[in-house]
Amino acid sequence: MRYTTILVPDSEWVSASVPAMPGCVGRGHTRDEALANVREAMEDWLETEWERGGGPLLETPELISTGVAKALQLIETMRKAGDALGDGGYDLELATVDVSEAASI
């Protein structure tokens, strides 16, 4: 299973969120570390949700664009607090993360 992840770097961390899995986040000092940590969080999130009879939201363009809008707002908040690098452009990335099928059972 593959899910879109939004990566947002700041001065020390790269944060990752998964729009299809509300509340599922990870972070790391590097992009690769953030992706590894969010993959683990995704597997835990899926396991918990399946036990409860739930699951991820359906990924749609609207869901992803809402997640991106929230990430852009976060970048603006970080800039105002002095935590984001630079005063121009928006440094974020979309990545697709695979999680194991075992997490969905």
Protein backbone atom coordinates (compact mmCIF):
# COMPACT_ATOMS: atom_id res chain seq x y z
CA MET A 1 0.00 0.00 0.00
CA ARG A 2 1.28 3.44 -0.92
CA TYR A 3 0.36 6.76 0.66
CA THR A 4 1.27 10.36 -0.03
CA THR A 5 3.43 12.00 2.63
CA ILE A 6 4.17 15.71 3.00
CA LEU A 7 7.71 16.58 4.10
CA VAL A 8 8.43 19.99 5.64
CA PRO A 9 11.99 20.88 6.67
CA ASP A 10 12.86 23.49 9.28
CA SER A 11 16.21 24.56 10.68
CA GLU A 12 16.80 21.24 12.51
CA TRP A 13 14.17 18.69 11.49
CA VAL A 14 12.23 17.31 8.58
CA SER A 15 8.62 16.70 9.59
CA ALA A 16 6.41 14.24 7.71
CA SER A 17 2.62 13.98 7.77
CA VAL A 18 0.21 11.61 6.02
CA PRO A 19 -3.07 13.25 4.93
CA ALA A 20 -4.86 9.88 4.59
CA MET A 21 -3.94 9.02 8.20
CA PRO A 22 -5.02 11.90 10.45
CA GLY A 23 -2.54 12.43 13.28
CA CYS A 24 0.10 10.19 11.73
CA VAL A 25 3.40 12.07 11.73
CA GLY A 26 7.11 11.45 11.93
CA ARG A 27 10.27 13.47 11.86
CA GLY A 28 13.99 13.11 11.51
CA HIS A 29 17.16 15.13 11.10
CA THR A 30 17.28 14.12 7.43
CA ARG A 31 14.73 13.39 4.71
CA ASP A 32 15.57 9.67 4.81
CA GLU A 33 15.28 9.53 8.60
CA ALA A 34 11.93 11.33 8.51
CA LEU A 35 10.64 8.90 5.86
CA ALA A 36 11.81 5.87 7.84
CA ASN A 37 10.19 7.22 11.02
CA VAL A 38 6.90 8.10 9.32
CA ARG A 39 6.79 4.66 7.67
CA GLU A 40 6.99 3.08 11.14
CA ALA A 41 4.31 5.46 12.42
CA MET A 42 2.12 4.57 9.44
CA GLU A 43 2.39 0.86 10.15
CA ASP A 44 1.45 1.44 13.81
CA TRP A 45 -1.39 3.77 12.78
CA LEU A 46 -2.80 1.18 10.36
CA GLU A 47 -2.56 -1.63 12.91
CA THR A 48 -4.43 0.41 15.50
CA GLU A 49 -7.09 1.54 13.05
CA TRP A 50 -7.68 -1.97 11.68
CA GLU A 51 -8.16 -3.23 15.26
CA ARG A 52 -10.81 -0.55 15.75
CA GLY A 53 -12.49 -1.39 12.45
CA GLY A 54 -11.24 1.76 10.74
CA GLY A 55 -8.63 2.58 8.18
CA PRO A 56 -7.05 5.36 6.18
CA LEU A 57 -9.03 8.04 4.39
CA LEU A 58 -9.38 7.74 0.63
CA GLU A 59 -6.59 9.70 -1.02
CA THR A 60 -8.11 12.29 -3.31
CA PRO A 61 -6.68 15.44 -4.87
CA GLU A 62 -8.75 17.43 -2.39
CA LEU A 63 -7.34 15.54 0.60
CA ILE A 64 -3.76 16.05 -0.58
CA SER A 65 -4.29 19.73 -1.42
CA THR A 66 -5.78 20.32 2.04
CA GLY A 67 -2.70 18.67 3.56
CA VAL A 68 -0.41 20.86 1.45
CA ALA A 69 -2.34 23.98 2.48
CA LYS A 70 -1.88 23.04 6.14
CA ALA A 71 1.85 22.48 5.53
CA LEU A 72 2.15 25.92 3.91
CA GLN A 73 0.43 27.48 6.92
CA LEU A 74 2.87 25.63 9.18
CA ILE A 75 5.81 27.03 7.21
CA GLU A 76 4.44 30.55 7.62
CA THR A 77 4.03 30.01 11.36
CA MET A 78 7.61 28.67 11.59
CA ARG A 79 8.92 31.69 9.66
CA LYS A 80 7.22 34.07 12.05
CA ALA A 81 8.80 32.18 14.96
CA GLY A 82 12.22 32.23 13.27
CA ASP A 83 12.32 28.44 12.79
CA ALA A 84 12.06 28.27 8.99
CA LEU A 85 14.97 29.01 6.70
CA GLY A 86 14.72 31.91 4.30
CA ASP A 87 11.96 34.37 3.64
CA GLY A 88 10.98 33.26 0.17
CA GLY A 89 9.63 30.12 -1.42
CA TYR A 90 8.05 27.19 0.27
CA ASP A 91 10.35 24.28 0.92
CA LEU A 92 8.12 21.22 1.08
CA GLU A 93 8.01 17.93 -0.76
CA LEU A 94 5.47 15.25 -1.55
CA ALA A 95 6.71 11.67 -1.32
CA THR A 96 5.00 8.33 -1.69
CA VAL A 97 5.65 5.87 1.11
CA ASP A 98 5.07 2.12 0.89
CA VAL A 99 3.91 0.33 4.01
CA SER A 100 3.85 -3.40 4.45
CA GLU A 101 0.74 -5.39 3.70
CA ALA A 102 1.09 -6.96 7.16
CA ALA A 103 0.19 -3.60 8.69
CA SER A 104 -3.19 -3.71 6.93
CA ILE A 105 -4.27 -7.09 8.30
